Amino acid sequence: MPETELTDTDLHFVRRAIADAVANVEIGNRPFAAILVDADGEILAEDCDRTALSGDPLSHGETNVIRTAIQKFGLGPLPAATLYVNSEPCPMCAGTILRSGIGRLIYGATGAIAGPYLSGGRMLGQRYPSDAIFALAGDKLQVASGVLLEEALQPFELYVAKATA
C-alpha cells in the first residue's frame, strides 16, 4: 500500500469533504462525507453519511459515492479516481473501496483520533482500523491519512457540541 504525494487539488477536496461533513452534522446526520474525483479533477459523486436520518446502516458517505459513480459511469474510471474523505473509512467502506478498485484514497482524521468523539450509539467510539484492509490492495491503492488533521476534527467537535447542547 504505497503512500501518495499530495497536491493543492487534494487539499482542496479534503477541505470540501470536511465542509460537507460539517453541513451534514448541521442537518442531523453523522460527521462523515466523501467525494470521488476522476483523473481529470471532475467530481464523479459527492455525498455524506445518511444513516441517522435514513435509518440505513449501510448509507455511509463512501458507499454512497461509490454506488452513485458506478451507476453513472461504471467501474472504468475508478482505478484512476481519488476518493477524498474527512475521516478514516470504516471496515465496511474500506472493503467497498478495495472491491471497487479505486486507485487513491486521501482522508483527514484517523479513526484513532476521531473515535473518541463518537460515543453516542452502538459501535460508535470504537476503533475499527481500516489500514489492514487497504494493505490487501498492495500497490493498486495509494493512501494518505491524517491530512489537514486539525481542520478534519471540526465536524466531530460540532457533532459532540450538538449532542450535548
N, C-alpha and C. Protein backbone atom coordinates (compact mmCIF):
# COMPACT_ATOMS: atom_id res chain seq x y z
N MET A 1 0.85 -1.18 0.00
CA MET A 1 0.00 0.00 0.00
C MET A 1 0.89 1.23 0.00
N PRO A 2 1.23 1.75 -1.15
CA PRO A 2 2.10 2.92 -1.21
C PRO A 2 1.40 4.20 -0.78
N GLU A 3 2.17 5.10 -0.20
CA GLU A 3 1.62 6.41 0.13
C GLU A 3 1.56 7.25 -1.13
N THR A 4 0.82 8.32 -1.08
CA THR A 4 0.62 9.16 -2.25
C THR A 4 1.10 10.57 -1.97
N GLU A 5 1.63 11.22 -2.98
CA GLU A 5 2.04 12.63 -2.88
C GLU A 5 0.78 13.49 -2.92
N LEU A 6 0.73 14.52 -2.08
CA LEU A 6 -0.44 15.40 -2.04
C LEU A 6 -0.23 16.64 -2.89
N THR A 7 -1.31 17.05 -3.55
CA THR A 7 -1.30 18.25 -4.38
C THR A 7 -2.25 19.29 -3.76
N ASP A 8 -2.23 20.50 -4.31
CA ASP A 8 -3.19 21.52 -3.88
C ASP A 8 -4.62 21.07 -4.16
N THR A 9 -4.82 20.35 -5.25
CA THR A 9 -6.15 19.81 -5.57
C THR A 9 -6.60 18.83 -4.50
N ASP A 10 -5.67 17.99 -4.05
CA ASP A 10 -6.01 17.04 -2.98
C ASP A 10 -6.46 17.78 -1.72
N LEU A 11 -5.72 18.80 -1.33
CA LEU A 11 -6.07 19.57 -0.13
C LEU A 11 -7.42 20.26 -0.30
N HIS A 12 -7.68 20.76 -1.50
CA HIS A 12 -8.98 21.40 -1.78
C HIS A 12 -10.13 20.42 -1.54
N PHE A 13 -10.00 19.21 -2.06
CA PHE A 13 -11.09 18.24 -1.93
C PHE A 13 -11.20 17.68 -0.52
N VAL A 14 -10.12 17.57 0.22
CA VAL A 14 -10.22 17.16 1.62
C VAL A 14 -10.96 18.25 2.39
N ARG A 15 -10.64 19.50 2.13
CA ARG A 15 -11.34 20.61 2.81
C ARG A 15 -12.83 20.61 2.44
N ARG A 16 -13.12 20.31 1.21
CA ARG A 16 -14.52 20.25 0.77
C ARG A 16 -15.26 19.11 1.49
N ALA A 17 -14.61 17.96 1.63
CA ALA A 17 -15.22 16.85 2.36
C ALA A 17 -15.45 17.23 3.82
N ILE A 18 -14.52 17.94 4.41
CA ILE A 18 -14.68 18.41 5.79
C ILE A 18 -15.88 19.35 5.88
N ALA A 19 -16.00 20.29 4.94
CA ALA A 19 -17.13 21.22 4.93
C ALA A 19 -18.45 20.47 4.73
N ASP A 20 -18.45 19.46 3.86
CA ASP A 20 -19.66 18.65 3.65
C ASP A 20 -20.04 17.93 4.94
N ALA A 21 -19.05 17.42 5.67
CA ALA A 21 -19.32 16.71 6.92
C ALA A 21 -19.90 17.66 7.96
N VAL A 22 -19.39 18.88 8.03
CA VAL A 22 -19.94 19.88 8.95
C VAL A 22 -21.41 20.15 8.59
N ALA A 23 -21.69 20.36 7.31
CA ALA A 23 -23.07 20.61 6.87
C ALA A 23 -23.96 19.41 7.18
N ASN A 24 -23.41 18.21 7.08
CA ASN A 24 -24.17 17.00 7.36
C ASN A 24 -24.56 16.92 8.83
N VAL A 25 -23.66 17.32 9.71
CA VAL A 25 -23.96 17.36 11.14
C VAL A 25 -25.06 18.39 11.41
N GLU A 26 -24.99 19.53 10.73
CA GLU A 26 -25.98 20.60 10.92
C GLU A 26 -27.40 20.12 10.63
N ILE A 27 -27.57 19.16 9.71
CA ILE A 27 -28.92 18.69 9.39
C ILE A 27 -29.30 17.43 10.18
N GLY A 28 -28.44 17.02 11.12
CA GLY A 28 -28.80 15.92 12.00
C GLY A 28 -28.19 14.57 11.67
N ASN A 29 -27.24 14.54 10.75
CA ASN A 29 -26.57 13.29 10.41
C ASN A 29 -25.22 13.19 11.11
N ARG A 30 -24.53 12.09 10.86
CA ARG A 30 -23.22 11.85 11.47
C ARG A 30 -22.12 12.59 10.71
N PRO A 31 -20.95 12.80 11.33
CA PRO A 31 -19.92 13.69 10.77
C PRO A 31 -18.99 13.04 9.74
N PHE A 32 -19.58 12.56 8.65
CA PHE A 32 -18.77 11.92 7.62
C PHE A 32 -19.23 12.33 6.23
N ALA A 33 -18.25 12.55 5.33
CA ALA A 33 -18.55 12.91 3.95
C ALA A 33 -17.45 12.40 3.04
N ALA A 34 -17.81 12.18 1.77
CA ALA A 34 -16.86 11.65 0.80
C ALA A 34 -17.10 12.27 -0.57
N ILE A 35 -16.01 12.41 -1.33
CA ILE A 35 -16.07 12.94 -2.70
C ILE A 35 -15.19 12.05 -3.56
N LEU A 36 -15.74 11.58 -4.67
CA LEU A 36 -14.98 10.76 -5.60
C LEU A 36 -14.70 11.60 -6.84
N VAL A 37 -13.42 11.72 -7.19
CA VAL A 37 -12.98 12.61 -8.26
C VAL A 37 -12.19 11.81 -9.29
N ASP A 38 -12.48 12.05 -10.57
CA ASP A 38 -11.77 11.32 -11.62
C ASP A 38 -10.37 11.90 -11.85
N ALA A 39 -9.64 11.28 -12.75
CA ALA A 39 -8.24 11.66 -13.01
C ALA A 39 -8.11 13.08 -13.54
N ASP A 40 -9.19 13.63 -14.11
CA ASP A 40 -9.16 14.99 -14.64
C ASP A 40 -9.63 16.03 -13.63
N GLY A 41 -9.92 15.59 -12.41
CA GLY A 41 -10.36 16.52 -11.38
C GLY A 41 -11.85 16.80 -11.38
N GLU A 42 -12.61 16.02 -12.14
CA GLU A 42 -14.07 16.19 -12.19
C GLU A 42 -14.71 15.32 -11.12
N ILE A 43 -15.70 15.87 -10.44
CA ILE A 43 -16.39 15.12 -9.40
C ILE A 43 -17.30 14.08 -10.04
N LEU A 44 -17.08 12.81 -9.66
CA LEU A 44 -17.95 11.72 -10.11
C LEU A 44 -19.16 11.60 -9.20
N ALA A 45 -18.95 11.80 -7.90
CA ALA A 45 -20.04 11.73 -6.92
C ALA A 45 -19.57 12.37 -5.62
N GLU A 46 -20.54 12.90 -4.88
CA GLU A 46 -20.27 13.56 -3.61
C GLU A 46 -21.46 13.30 -2.69
N ASP A 47 -21.20 12.82 -1.49
CA ASP A 47 -22.31 12.52 -0.59
C ASP A 47 -21.79 12.43 0.85
N CYS A 48 -22.73 12.21 1.76
CA CYS A 48 -22.43 12.15 3.18
C CYS A 48 -23.02 10.89 3.78
N ASP A 49 -22.68 10.66 5.03
CA ASP A 49 -23.27 9.58 5.81
C ASP A 49 -24.72 9.96 6.07
N ARG A 50 -25.64 9.10 5.66
CA ARG A 50 -27.07 9.38 5.82
C ARG A 50 -27.73 8.44 6.82
N THR A 51 -26.94 7.72 7.61
CA THR A 51 -27.50 6.67 8.47
C THR A 51 -28.47 7.21 9.52
N ALA A 52 -28.18 8.34 10.12
CA ALA A 52 -29.03 8.84 11.20
C ALA A 52 -30.42 9.19 10.71
N LEU A 53 -30.52 9.85 9.59
CA LEU A 53 -31.84 10.28 9.11
C LEU A 53 -32.54 9.23 8.26
N SER A 54 -31.76 8.35 7.60
CA SER A 54 -32.38 7.34 6.74
C SER A 54 -32.69 6.05 7.48
N GLY A 55 -31.96 5.79 8.57
CA GLY A 55 -32.11 4.53 9.27
C GLY A 55 -31.40 3.37 8.58
N ASP A 56 -30.70 3.66 7.49
CA ASP A 56 -29.98 2.64 6.73
C ASP A 56 -28.53 2.58 7.22
N PRO A 57 -28.14 1.50 7.91
CA PRO A 57 -26.78 1.44 8.45
C PRO A 57 -25.70 1.31 7.38
N LEU A 58 -26.09 1.08 6.14
CA LEU A 58 -25.12 0.97 5.04
C LEU A 58 -24.93 2.28 4.30
N SER A 59 -25.65 3.31 4.68
CA SER A 59 -25.64 4.58 3.95
C SER A 59 -24.50 5.49 4.42
N HIS A 60 -23.28 4.98 4.30
CA HIS A 60 -22.09 5.78 4.61
C HIS A 60 -21.70 6.60 3.39
N GLY A 61 -21.01 7.71 3.62
CA GLY A 61 -20.62 8.58 2.51
C GLY A 61 -19.84 7.85 1.44
N GLU A 62 -18.89 7.02 1.84
CA GLU A 62 -18.05 6.32 0.86
C GLU A 62 -18.87 5.35 0.02
N THR A 63 -19.73 4.56 0.67
CA THR A 63 -20.53 3.62 -0.11
C THR A 63 -21.51 4.35 -1.00
N ASN A 64 -22.04 5.46 -0.53
CA ASN A 64 -22.98 6.24 -1.34
C ASN A 64 -22.31 6.78 -2.61
N VAL A 65 -21.10 7.34 -2.47
CA VAL A 65 -20.46 7.91 -3.66
C VAL A 65 -19.99 6.82 -4.62
N ILE A 66 -19.51 5.72 -4.08
CA ILE A 66 -19.06 4.63 -4.96
C ILE A 66 -20.25 4.06 -5.73
N ARG A 67 -21.34 3.82 -5.03
CA ARG A 67 -22.54 3.30 -5.69
C ARG A 67 -23.03 4.27 -6.78
N THR A 68 -23.10 5.54 -6.46
CA THR A 68 -23.56 6.54 -7.43
C THR A 68 -22.64 6.59 -8.65
N ALA A 69 -21.34 6.60 -8.42
CA ALA A 69 -20.38 6.68 -9.53
C ALA A 69 -20.47 5.45 -10.43
N ILE A 70 -20.60 4.29 -9.84
CA ILE A 70 -20.70 3.06 -10.64
C ILE A 70 -21.99 3.05 -11.45
N GLN A 71 -23.08 3.51 -10.86
CA GLN A 71 -24.35 3.57 -11.59
C GLN A 71 -24.26 4.54 -12.76
N LYS A 72 -23.56 5.65 -12.60
CA LYS A 72 -23.45 6.66 -13.66
C LYS A 72 -22.39 6.33 -14.70
N PHE A 73 -21.23 5.81 -14.26
CA PHE A 73 -20.06 5.71 -15.13
C PHE A 73 -19.48 4.30 -15.27
N GLY A 74 -19.99 3.35 -14.50
CA GLY A 74 -19.41 2.02 -14.49
C GLY A 74 -18.11 2.01 -13.71
N LEU A 75 -17.40 0.89 -13.74
CA LEU A 75 -16.16 0.75 -12.99
C LEU A 75 -14.96 1.39 -13.68
N GLY A 76 -15.08 1.69 -14.97
CA GLY A 76 -13.96 2.17 -15.77
C GLY A 76 -13.11 3.27 -15.17
N PRO A 77 -13.70 4.37 -14.70
CA PRO A 77 -12.87 5.47 -14.20
C PRO A 77 -12.30 5.27 -12.80
N LEU A 78 -12.71 4.25 -12.08
CA LEU A 78 -12.35 4.15 -10.66
C LEU A 78 -10.87 3.87 -10.39
N PRO A 79 -10.16 3.05 -11.17
CA PRO A 79 -8.74 2.86 -10.87
C PRO A 79 -7.91 4.15 -10.94
N ALA A 80 -8.35 5.12 -11.71
CA ALA A 80 -7.63 6.39 -11.82
C ALA A 80 -8.25 7.48 -10.95
N ALA A 81 -9.29 7.13 -10.19
CA ALA A 81 -10.01 8.10 -9.37
C ALA A 81 -9.39 8.22 -7.98
N THR A 82 -9.71 9.34 -7.32
CA THR A 82 -9.31 9.57 -5.94
C THR A 82 -10.55 9.76 -5.10
N LEU A 83 -10.59 9.06 -3.96
CA LEU A 83 -11.66 9.22 -3.00
C LEU A 83 -11.15 10.08 -1.85
N TYR A 84 -11.84 11.18 -1.60
CA TYR A 84 -11.50 12.09 -0.50
C TYR A 84 -12.55 11.92 0.59
N VAL A 85 -12.10 11.73 1.82
CA VAL A 85 -13.00 11.53 2.94
C VAL A 85 -12.48 12.37 4.11
N ASN A 86 -13.40 12.90 4.89
CA ASN A 86 -12.96 13.73 6.01
C ASN A 86 -12.37 12.89 7.14
N SER A 87 -12.64 11.59 7.16
CA SER A 87 -12.16 10.72 8.23
C SER A 87 -11.88 9.32 7.70
N GLU A 88 -11.14 8.56 8.46
CA GLU A 88 -10.80 7.20 8.07
C GLU A 88 -12.05 6.37 7.81
N PRO A 89 -12.12 5.72 6.66
CA PRO A 89 -13.27 4.86 6.38
C PRO A 89 -13.35 3.69 7.35
N CYS A 90 -14.57 3.27 7.64
CA CYS A 90 -14.79 2.10 8.48
C CYS A 90 -14.44 0.84 7.68
N PRO A 91 -14.39 -0.31 8.31
CA PRO A 91 -14.06 -1.54 7.59
C PRO A 91 -15.03 -1.86 6.44
N MET A 92 -16.32 -1.59 6.62
CA MET A 92 -17.27 -1.83 5.54
C MET A 92 -16.91 -0.98 4.32
N CYS A 93 -16.66 0.29 4.57
CA CYS A 93 -16.31 1.19 3.47
C CYS A 93 -14.94 0.85 2.90
N ALA A 94 -14.01 0.45 3.76
CA ALA A 94 -12.69 0.05 3.28
C ALA A 94 -12.80 -1.13 2.32
N GLY A 95 -13.64 -2.09 2.67
CA GLY A 95 -13.85 -3.23 1.77
C GLY A 95 -14.49 -2.81 0.47
N THR A 96 -15.41 -1.87 0.52
CA THR A 96 -16.06 -1.36 -0.69
C THR A 96 -15.06 -0.62 -1.57
N ILE A 97 -14.18 0.16 -0.95
CA ILE A 97 -13.12 0.86 -1.69
C ILE A 97 -12.22 -0.15 -2.37
N LEU A 98 -11.83 -1.16 -1.63
CA LEU A 98 -10.96 -2.20 -2.18
C LEU A 98 -11.63 -2.92 -3.34
N ARG A 99 -12.88 -3.33 -3.16
CA ARG A 99 -13.60 -4.09 -4.19
C ARG A 99 -13.90 -3.26 -5.43
N SER A 100 -14.05 -1.95 -5.27
CA SER A 100 -14.38 -1.10 -6.42
C SER A 100 -13.17 -0.78 -7.28
N GLY A 101 -11.96 -0.93 -6.72
CA GLY A 101 -10.75 -0.69 -7.49
C GLY A 101 -10.30 0.76 -7.54
N ILE A 102 -10.79 1.59 -6.64
CA ILE A 102 -10.35 2.99 -6.59
C ILE A 102 -8.84 3.02 -6.39
N GLY A 103 -8.17 3.94 -7.09
CA GLY A 103 -6.71 3.97 -7.09
C GLY A 103 -6.05 4.80 -6.00
N ARG A 104 -6.76 5.82 -5.49
CA ARG A 104 -6.18 6.67 -4.46
C ARG A 104 -7.24 6.98 -3.41
N LEU A 105 -6.80 7.05 -2.16
CA LEU A 105 -7.65 7.41 -1.04
C LEU A 105 -6.91 8.43 -0.20
N ILE A 106 -7.57 9.54 0.08
CA ILE A 106 -6.97 10.58 0.91
C ILE A 106 -8.01 10.97 1.95
N TYR A 107 -7.61 10.85 3.23
CA TYR A 107 -8.57 11.19 4.27
C TYR A 107 -7.93 11.99 5.39
N GLY A 108 -8.80 12.69 6.12
CA GLY A 108 -8.37 13.57 7.20
C GLY A 108 -8.14 12.82 8.49
N ALA A 109 -9.08 12.94 9.42
CA ALA A 109 -8.91 12.38 10.76
C ALA A 109 -8.80 10.86 10.72
N THR A 110 -7.84 10.34 11.44
CA THR A 110 -7.73 8.89 11.59
C THR A 110 -8.77 8.42 12.60
N GLY A 111 -9.13 7.15 12.52
CA GLY A 111 -10.10 6.60 13.45
C GLY A 111 -9.66 6.71 14.89
N ALA A 112 -8.37 6.59 15.13
CA ALA A 112 -7.85 6.67 16.50
C ALA A 112 -8.09 8.06 17.09
N ILE A 113 -8.07 9.07 16.26
CA ILE A 113 -8.27 10.45 16.74
C ILE A 113 -9.75 10.82 16.74
N ALA A 114 -10.49 10.43 15.70
CA ALA A 114 -11.91 10.78 15.61
C ALA A 114 -12.78 9.91 16.52
N GLY A 115 -12.37 8.67 16.75
CA GLY A 115 -13.17 7.73 17.52
C GLY A 115 -13.68 8.23 18.86
N PRO A 116 -12.85 8.86 19.68
CA PRO A 116 -13.33 9.33 20.98
C PRO A 116 -14.45 10.36 20.91
N TYR A 117 -14.60 11.02 19.78
CA TYR A 117 -15.69 11.99 19.63
C TYR A 117 -17.03 11.29 19.42
N LEU A 118 -16.99 10.03 19.04
CA LEU A 118 -18.20 9.31 18.66
C LEU A 118 -18.58 8.30 19.74
N SER A 119 -19.33 8.74 20.71
CA SER A 119 -19.69 7.83 21.79
C SER A 119 -21.19 7.72 21.98
N GLY A 120 -21.95 8.21 21.03
CA GLY A 120 -23.39 8.30 21.22
C GLY A 120 -24.21 7.08 20.91
N GLY A 121 -23.67 6.04 20.33
CA GLY A 121 -24.53 4.92 19.97
C GLY A 121 -23.77 3.63 19.78
N ARG A 122 -24.50 2.63 19.38
CA ARG A 122 -23.94 1.30 19.19
C ARG A 122 -22.79 1.32 18.19
N MET A 123 -21.70 0.75 18.54
CA MET A 123 -20.49 0.63 17.73
C MET A 123 -19.74 1.94 17.54
N LEU A 124 -20.32 3.05 17.98
CA LEU A 124 -19.62 4.32 17.83
C LEU A 124 -18.58 4.46 18.93
N GLY A 125 -17.50 5.14 18.62
CA GLY A 125 -16.47 5.37 19.61
C GLY A 125 -15.49 4.23 19.72
N GLN A 126 -15.72 3.15 18.99
CA GLN A 126 -14.79 2.03 19.00
C GLN A 126 -13.86 2.15 17.81
N ARG A 127 -12.72 1.56 17.91
CA ARG A 127 -11.72 1.65 16.84
C ARG A 127 -11.80 0.43 15.95
N TYR A 128 -12.10 0.66 14.69
CA TYR A 128 -12.13 -0.38 13.68
C TYR A 128 -11.16 0.03 12.57
N PRO A 129 -9.88 -0.25 12.74
CA PRO A 129 -8.89 0.23 11.77
C PRO A 129 -9.08 -0.38 10.38
N SER A 130 -8.91 0.46 9.39
CA SER A 130 -9.09 0.03 8.01
C SER A 130 -7.77 -0.23 7.29
N ASP A 131 -6.65 0.16 7.90
CA ASP A 131 -5.38 0.05 7.20
C ASP A 131 -5.03 -1.40 6.82
N ALA A 132 -5.44 -2.38 7.61
CA ALA A 132 -5.17 -3.77 7.26
C ALA A 132 -5.94 -4.17 6.00
N ILE A 133 -7.13 -3.62 5.85
CA ILE A 133 -7.93 -3.90 4.64
C ILE A 133 -7.28 -3.22 3.44
N PHE A 134 -6.87 -1.98 3.59
CA PHE A 134 -6.23 -1.28 2.49
C PHE A 134 -4.93 -1.96 2.06
N ALA A 135 -4.22 -2.55 3.01
CA ALA A 135 -2.97 -3.23 2.69
C ALA A 135 -3.19 -4.40 1.72
N LEU A 136 -4.38 -4.96 1.73
CA LEU A 136 -4.69 -6.07 0.82
C LEU A 136 -4.63 -5.65 -0.65
N ALA A 137 -4.78 -4.36 -0.91
CA ALA A 137 -4.74 -3.86 -2.28
C ALA A 137 -3.33 -3.80 -2.83
N GLY A 138 -2.34 -3.91 -1.98
CA GLY A 138 -0.95 -3.82 -2.44
C GLY A 138 -0.69 -2.47 -3.07
N ASP A 139 -0.05 -2.49 -4.24
CA ASP A 139 0.29 -1.23 -4.90
C ASP A 139 -0.84 -0.68 -5.76
N LYS A 140 -2.02 -1.28 -5.71
CA LYS A 140 -3.15 -0.80 -6.50
C LYS A 140 -3.92 0.33 -5.82
N LEU A 141 -3.61 0.59 -4.55
CA LEU A 141 -4.26 1.66 -3.81
C LEU A 141 -3.22 2.50 -3.09
N GLN A 142 -3.18 3.79 -3.42
CA GLN A 142 -2.31 4.73 -2.72
C GLN A 142 -3.15 5.41 -1.64
N VAL A 143 -2.59 5.55 -0.44
CA VAL A 143 -3.35 6.10 0.68
C VAL A 143 -2.56 7.21 1.36
N ALA A 144 -3.25 8.29 1.70
CA ALA A 144 -2.70 9.35 2.55
C ALA A 144 -3.68 9.57 3.68
N SER A 145 -3.21 9.49 4.92
CA SER A 145 -4.09 9.65 6.07
C SER A 145 -3.60 10.78 6.97
N GLY A 146 -4.51 11.27 7.81
CA GLY A 146 -4.15 12.34 8.73
C GLY A 146 -3.96 13.68 8.04
N VAL A 147 -4.57 13.85 6.88
CA VAL A 147 -4.41 15.08 6.09
C VAL A 147 -5.28 16.19 6.71
N LEU A 148 -4.69 17.36 6.90
CA LEU A 148 -5.39 18.52 7.47
C LEU A 148 -6.08 18.14 8.79
N LEU A 149 -5.35 17.48 9.63
CA LEU A 149 -5.91 16.86 10.83
C LEU A 149 -6.70 17.83 11.71
N GLU A 150 -6.14 18.99 12.00
CA GLU A 150 -6.87 19.93 12.87
C GLU A 150 -8.20 20.33 12.25
N GLU A 151 -8.19 20.66 10.96
CA GLU A 151 -9.42 21.02 10.27
C GLU A 151 -10.39 19.84 10.24
N ALA A 152 -9.85 18.65 10.08
CA ALA A 152 -10.68 17.45 9.96
C ALA A 152 -11.44 17.13 11.24
N LEU A 153 -11.01 17.68 12.36
CA LEU A 153 -11.72 17.44 13.62
C LEU A 153 -12.96 18.30 13.78
N GLN A 154 -13.11 19.35 12.96
CA GLN A 154 -14.24 20.28 13.09
C GLN A 154 -15.61 19.58 13.07
N PRO A 155 -15.87 18.69 12.12
CA PRO A 155 -17.20 18.06 12.13
C PRO A 155 -17.46 17.23 13.39
N PHE A 156 -16.42 16.62 13.93
CA PHE A 156 -16.56 15.81 15.13
C PHE A 156 -16.81 16.68 16.36
N GLU A 157 -16.12 17.80 16.43
CA GLU A 157 -16.33 18.73 17.52
C GLU A 157 -17.75 19.28 17.49
N LEU A 158 -18.24 19.60 16.31
CA LEU A 158 -19.62 20.09 16.17
C LEU A 158 -20.62 18.99 16.55
N TYR A 159 -20.34 17.78 16.13
CA TYR A 159 -21.20 16.64 16.45
C TYR A 159 -21.36 16.49 17.96
N VAL A 160 -20.25 16.58 18.68
CA VAL A 160 -20.28 16.47 20.14
C VAL A 160 -21.02 17.67 20.74
N ALA A 161 -20.75 18.86 20.23
CA ALA A 161 -21.40 20.07 20.76
C ALA A 161 -22.92 19.98 20.57
N LYS A 162 -23.35 19.51 19.43
CA LYS A 162 -24.80 19.40 19.19
C LYS A 162 -25.42 18.31 20.05
N ALA A 163 -24.69 17.25 20.31
CA ALA A 163 -25.21 16.14 21.11
C ALA A 163 -25.34 16.52 22.58
N THR A 164 -24.49 17.44 23.02
CA THR A 164 -24.52 17.82 24.43
C THR A 164 -25.27 19.13 24.68
N ALA A 165 -25.78 19.74 23.61
CA ALA A 165 -26.49 21.03 23.77
C ALA A 165 -27.90 20.83 24.29
